[in-house]
Amino acid sequence: MSRSGGFAGLTRTWSVEVSSTEAEERWLPLLEGADNSGVEDAERDRYVYHIAIGYREVTVAESAVEGPWKELVEWVKDASSSQRGEDSGQESGQAPG
């Protein structure tokens, strides 16, 4: 999962490995029911989440990250940070200058 956009335009990436059973039963149904149409309406300087599970990918505007999406985003961030022993994901972007 990655989050891009925002005021600085940085991309932050988190990743977590899950069993195929958990992916198929819990998270893939969420992605299969996703509608990417709201991404074009994303507000300026807001984040956009790119979520991939297996071969399935969706893009979700920050304003739509609620309910099961919020659960997934928070779970991936927490699990990824715990695996690395860090407080946040990896950031990438242009160096200031």
N, C-alpha and C. Protein backbone atom coordinates (compact mmCIF):
# COMPACT_ATOMS: atom_id res chain seq x y z
N MET A 1 0.86 -1.16 0.00
CA MET A 1 0.00 0.00 0.00
C MET A 1 0.90 1.22 0.00
N SER A 2 0.53 2.21 -0.77
CA SER A 2 1.27 3.46 -0.75
C SER A 2 0.28 4.61 -0.69
N ARG A 3 0.75 5.73 -0.16
CA ARG A 3 -0.05 6.94 -0.08
C ARG A 3 0.76 8.02 -0.77
N SER A 4 0.13 8.71 -1.70
CA SER A 4 0.82 9.79 -2.40
C SER A 4 -0.02 11.03 -2.37
N GLY A 5 0.61 12.14 -2.73
CA GLY A 5 -0.10 13.40 -2.77
C GLY A 5 0.22 14.25 -1.56
N GLY A 6 -0.75 15.01 -1.14
CA GLY A 6 -0.54 15.91 -0.02
C GLY A 6 0.21 17.15 -0.47
N PHE A 7 0.43 18.04 0.44
CA PHE A 7 1.06 19.31 0.15
C PHE A 7 2.46 19.13 -0.41
N ALA A 8 3.24 18.22 0.16
CA ALA A 8 4.63 18.04 -0.27
C ALA A 8 4.77 17.07 -1.44
N GLY A 9 3.72 16.35 -1.77
CA GLY A 9 3.77 15.42 -2.89
C GLY A 9 4.63 14.19 -2.66
N LEU A 10 4.87 13.85 -1.41
CA LEU A 10 5.68 12.68 -1.09
C LEU A 10 4.87 11.40 -1.22
N THR A 11 5.57 10.29 -1.41
CA THR A 11 4.94 8.98 -1.41
C THR A 11 5.48 8.21 -0.22
N ARG A 12 4.57 7.62 0.54
CA ARG A 12 4.93 6.79 1.69
C ARG A 12 4.40 5.40 1.41
N THR A 13 5.21 4.39 1.68
CA THR A 13 4.86 3.01 1.35
C THR A 13 4.89 2.12 2.58
N TRP A 14 3.87 1.27 2.70
CA TRP A 14 3.80 0.27 3.75
C TRP A 14 3.53 -1.07 3.09
N SER A 15 4.05 -2.15 3.65
CA SER A 15 3.73 -3.47 3.12
C SER A 15 3.65 -4.48 4.25
N VAL A 16 2.74 -5.42 4.06
CA VAL A 16 2.53 -6.48 5.03
C VAL A 16 2.21 -7.75 4.26
N GLU A 17 2.76 -8.86 4.68
CA GLU A 17 2.42 -10.13 4.06
C GLU A 17 1.30 -10.78 4.86
N VAL A 18 0.30 -11.28 4.14
CA VAL A 18 -0.80 -11.99 4.78
C VAL A 18 -0.94 -13.35 4.11
N SER A 19 -1.59 -14.26 4.80
CA SER A 19 -1.82 -15.57 4.22
C SER A 19 -2.79 -15.45 3.06
N SER A 20 -2.73 -16.39 2.15
CA SER A 20 -3.65 -16.36 1.01
C SER A 20 -5.09 -16.50 1.49
N THR A 21 -5.30 -17.24 2.57
CA THR A 21 -6.65 -17.40 3.12
C THR A 21 -7.18 -16.06 3.63
N GLU A 22 -6.37 -15.34 4.40
CA GLU A 22 -6.80 -14.04 4.91
C GLU A 22 -7.05 -13.06 3.78
N ALA A 23 -6.16 -13.06 2.80
CA ALA A 23 -6.33 -12.16 1.66
C ALA A 23 -7.64 -12.47 0.93
N GLU A 24 -7.89 -13.73 0.65
CA GLU A 24 -9.08 -14.12 -0.10
C GLU A 24 -10.37 -13.90 0.68
N GLU A 25 -10.34 -14.16 1.99
CA GLU A 25 -11.57 -14.06 2.78
C GLU A 25 -11.86 -12.66 3.29
N ARG A 26 -10.83 -11.91 3.61
CA ARG A 26 -11.04 -10.62 4.27
C ARG A 26 -10.82 -9.42 3.37
N TRP A 27 -9.71 -9.38 2.63
CA TRP A 27 -9.32 -8.15 1.94
C TRP A 27 -9.67 -8.12 0.46
N LEU A 28 -9.56 -9.22 -0.26
CA LEU A 28 -9.89 -9.21 -1.69
C LEU A 28 -11.34 -8.84 -1.97
N PRO A 29 -12.31 -9.30 -1.17
CA PRO A 29 -13.69 -8.86 -1.42
C PRO A 29 -13.85 -7.34 -1.35
N LEU A 30 -13.09 -6.71 -0.47
CA LEU A 30 -13.12 -5.25 -0.37
C LEU A 30 -12.60 -4.61 -1.65
N LEU A 31 -11.49 -5.12 -2.18
CA LEU A 31 -10.94 -4.58 -3.41
C LEU A 31 -11.83 -4.86 -4.61
N GLU A 32 -12.43 -6.05 -4.64
CA GLU A 32 -13.29 -6.40 -5.77
C GLU A 32 -14.53 -5.52 -5.85
N GLY A 33 -14.99 -5.03 -4.69
CA GLY A 33 -16.16 -4.16 -4.67
C GLY A 33 -15.82 -2.69 -4.81
N ALA A 34 -14.55 -2.38 -5.02
CA ALA A 34 -14.11 -0.98 -5.07
C ALA A 34 -14.52 -0.31 -6.36
N ASP A 35 -14.79 0.97 -6.23
CA ASP A 35 -15.12 1.81 -7.37
C ASP A 35 -14.11 2.95 -7.41
N ASN A 36 -13.25 2.97 -8.40
CA ASN A 36 -12.21 4.00 -8.50
C ASN A 36 -12.73 5.33 -9.01
N SER A 37 -14.01 5.45 -9.23
CA SER A 37 -14.53 6.68 -9.85
C SER A 37 -14.34 7.91 -8.98
N GLY A 38 -14.29 7.77 -7.65
CA GLY A 38 -14.15 8.92 -6.77
C GLY A 38 -12.77 9.51 -6.74
N VAL A 39 -11.79 8.83 -7.32
CA VAL A 39 -10.41 9.31 -7.28
C VAL A 39 -10.25 10.61 -8.05
N GLU A 40 -10.96 10.73 -9.16
CA GLU A 40 -10.86 11.96 -9.96
C GLU A 40 -11.37 13.17 -9.18
N ASP A 41 -12.25 12.93 -8.20
CA ASP A 41 -12.82 14.01 -7.41
C ASP A 41 -12.00 14.32 -6.16
N ALA A 42 -10.84 13.68 -6.03
CA ALA A 42 -10.01 13.90 -4.86
C ALA A 42 -9.64 15.37 -4.76
N GLU A 43 -9.68 15.87 -3.53
CA GLU A 43 -9.39 17.28 -3.31
C GLU A 43 -7.90 17.56 -3.48
N ARG A 44 -7.61 18.75 -3.91
CA ARG A 44 -6.22 19.18 -4.08
C ARG A 44 -5.49 19.10 -2.75
N ASP A 45 -4.23 18.70 -2.81
CA ASP A 45 -3.37 18.57 -1.64
C ASP A 45 -3.86 17.53 -0.63
N ARG A 46 -4.69 16.59 -1.08
CA ARG A 46 -5.13 15.48 -0.23
C ARG A 46 -4.43 14.22 -0.70
N TYR A 47 -4.42 13.23 0.14
CA TYR A 47 -3.75 11.98 -0.18
C TYR A 47 -4.63 11.06 -1.03
N VAL A 48 -3.96 10.17 -1.75
CA VAL A 48 -4.60 9.10 -2.49
C VAL A 48 -3.87 7.82 -2.10
N TYR A 49 -4.61 6.78 -1.76
CA TYR A 49 -4.03 5.50 -1.37
C TYR A 49 -4.08 4.53 -2.54
N HIS A 50 -2.96 3.87 -2.81
CA HIS A 50 -2.86 2.83 -3.83
C HIS A 50 -2.70 1.52 -3.08
N ILE A 51 -3.68 0.65 -3.20
CA ILE A 51 -3.71 -0.59 -2.43
C ILE A 51 -3.65 -1.76 -3.38
N ALA A 52 -2.72 -2.68 -3.13
CA ALA A 52 -2.57 -3.86 -3.97
C ALA A 52 -2.57 -5.11 -3.10
N ILE A 53 -3.37 -6.07 -3.51
CA ILE A 53 -3.38 -7.39 -2.87
C ILE A 53 -3.31 -8.40 -4.00
N GLY A 54 -2.21 -9.11 -4.05
CA GLY A 54 -2.00 -10.03 -5.16
C GLY A 54 -1.95 -9.25 -6.46
N TYR A 55 -2.76 -9.65 -7.41
CA TYR A 55 -2.80 -8.98 -8.71
C TYR A 55 -3.85 -7.89 -8.77
N ARG A 56 -4.59 -7.70 -7.72
CA ARG A 56 -5.69 -6.72 -7.71
C ARG A 56 -5.21 -5.43 -7.09
N GLU A 57 -5.45 -4.31 -7.76
CA GLU A 57 -5.06 -2.99 -7.26
C GLU A 57 -6.23 -2.03 -7.34
N VAL A 58 -6.32 -1.14 -6.37
CA VAL A 58 -7.31 -0.07 -6.40
C VAL A 58 -6.66 1.21 -5.91
N THR A 59 -7.27 2.32 -6.25
CA THR A 59 -6.84 3.62 -5.77
C THR A 59 -8.02 4.23 -5.05
N VAL A 60 -7.79 4.71 -3.83
CA VAL A 60 -8.85 5.23 -2.99
C VAL A 60 -8.48 6.63 -2.53
N ALA A 61 -9.37 7.59 -2.75
CA ALA A 61 -9.14 8.96 -2.29
C ALA A 61 -9.19 8.99 -0.77
N GLU A 62 -8.40 9.86 -0.17
CA GLU A 62 -8.35 9.97 1.28
C GLU A 62 -9.74 10.19 1.88
N SER A 63 -10.58 10.95 1.21
CA SER A 63 -11.92 11.23 1.73
C SER A 63 -12.81 9.99 1.77
N ALA A 64 -12.44 8.94 1.02
CA ALA A 64 -13.22 7.70 1.00
C ALA A 64 -12.66 6.64 1.94
N VAL A 65 -11.59 6.95 2.65
CA VAL A 65 -10.98 5.98 3.57
C VAL A 65 -11.78 6.00 4.87
N GLU A 66 -12.82 5.18 4.87
CA GLU A 66 -13.68 5.03 6.04
C GLU A 66 -14.20 3.60 6.07
N GLY A 67 -14.77 3.21 7.18
CA GLY A 67 -15.28 1.85 7.31
C GLY A 67 -14.19 0.82 7.09
N PRO A 68 -14.46 -0.17 6.21
CA PRO A 68 -13.47 -1.22 5.98
C PRO A 68 -12.16 -0.70 5.38
N TRP A 69 -12.22 0.36 4.56
CA TRP A 69 -10.98 0.93 4.00
C TRP A 69 -10.11 1.48 5.13
N LYS A 70 -10.73 2.18 6.07
CA LYS A 70 -9.97 2.74 7.18
C LYS A 70 -9.36 1.63 8.02
N GLU A 71 -10.13 0.57 8.24
CA GLU A 71 -9.61 -0.58 8.99
C GLU A 71 -8.39 -1.17 8.28
N LEU A 72 -8.48 -1.34 6.97
CA LEU A 72 -7.37 -1.90 6.20
C LEU A 72 -6.14 -0.99 6.24
N VAL A 73 -6.34 0.29 5.98
CA VAL A 73 -5.22 1.25 5.96
C VAL A 73 -4.52 1.29 7.32
N GLU A 74 -5.30 1.40 8.39
CA GLU A 74 -4.69 1.47 9.72
C GLU A 74 -4.00 0.17 10.09
N TRP A 75 -4.59 -0.97 9.73
CA TRP A 75 -3.99 -2.26 10.03
C TRP A 75 -2.65 -2.41 9.31
N VAL A 76 -2.61 -2.05 8.02
CA VAL A 76 -1.36 -2.18 7.26
C VAL A 76 -0.29 -1.25 7.84
N LYS A 77 -0.65 -0.02 8.14
CA LYS A 77 0.33 0.91 8.73
C LYS A 77 0.89 0.37 10.04
N ASP A 78 0.00 -0.09 10.93
CA ASP A 78 0.43 -0.59 12.23
C ASP A 78 1.28 -1.85 12.09
N ALA A 79 0.81 -2.80 11.28
CA ALA A 79 1.53 -4.06 11.12
C ALA A 79 2.89 -3.84 10.47
N SER A 80 2.95 -2.96 9.49
CA SER A 80 4.21 -2.67 8.80
C SER A 80 5.20 -2.02 9.75
N SER A 81 4.73 -1.09 10.55
CA SER A 81 5.60 -0.42 11.51
C SER A 81 6.11 -1.40 12.56
N SER A 82 5.25 -2.30 13.00
CA SER A 82 5.65 -3.30 14.00
C SER A 82 6.70 -4.24 13.44
N GLN A 83 6.55 -4.63 12.18
CA GLN A 83 7.51 -5.54 11.56
C GLN A 83 8.88 -4.89 11.44
N ARG A 84 8.91 -3.59 11.19
CA ARG A 84 10.17 -2.87 11.03
C ARG A 84 10.70 -2.33 12.35
N GLY A 85 9.83 -2.27 13.37
CA GLY A 85 10.23 -1.66 14.62
C GLY A 85 10.32 -0.16 14.51
N GLU A 86 9.48 0.43 13.62
CA GLU A 86 9.50 1.87 13.37
C GLU A 86 8.14 2.46 13.68
N ASP A 87 8.08 3.80 13.61
CA ASP A 87 6.83 4.51 13.82
C ASP A 87 6.12 4.84 12.54
N SER A 88 6.78 4.76 11.39
CA SER A 88 6.12 5.16 10.15
C SER A 88 6.68 4.40 8.97
N GLY A 89 6.05 4.59 7.82
CA GLY A 89 6.48 3.93 6.58
C GLY A 89 7.67 4.63 5.98
N GLN A 90 8.09 4.11 4.85
CA GLN A 90 9.22 4.69 4.12
C GLN A 90 8.71 5.85 3.28
N GLU A 91 9.45 6.93 3.27
CA GLU A 91 9.07 8.06 2.44
C GLU A 91 10.01 8.16 1.26
N SER A 92 9.44 8.60 0.15
CA SER A 92 10.28 8.88 -1.01
C SER A 92 9.76 10.14 -1.67
N GLY A 93 10.59 10.83 -2.33
CA GLY A 93 10.20 12.06 -3.01
C GLY A 93 11.45 12.82 -3.41
N GLN A 94 11.26 14.00 -3.88
CA GLN A 94 12.40 14.80 -4.29
C GLN A 94 13.05 15.43 -3.09
N ALA A 95 14.36 15.49 -3.14
CA ALA A 95 15.10 16.14 -2.06
C ALA A 95 14.89 17.65 -2.16
N PRO A 96 14.82 18.33 -1.01
CA PRO A 96 14.66 19.79 -1.06
C PRO A 96 15.85 20.43 -1.74
N GLY A 97 15.57 21.48 -2.44
CA GLY A 97 16.74 22.11 -3.00
C GLY A 97 16.47 22.90 -4.14
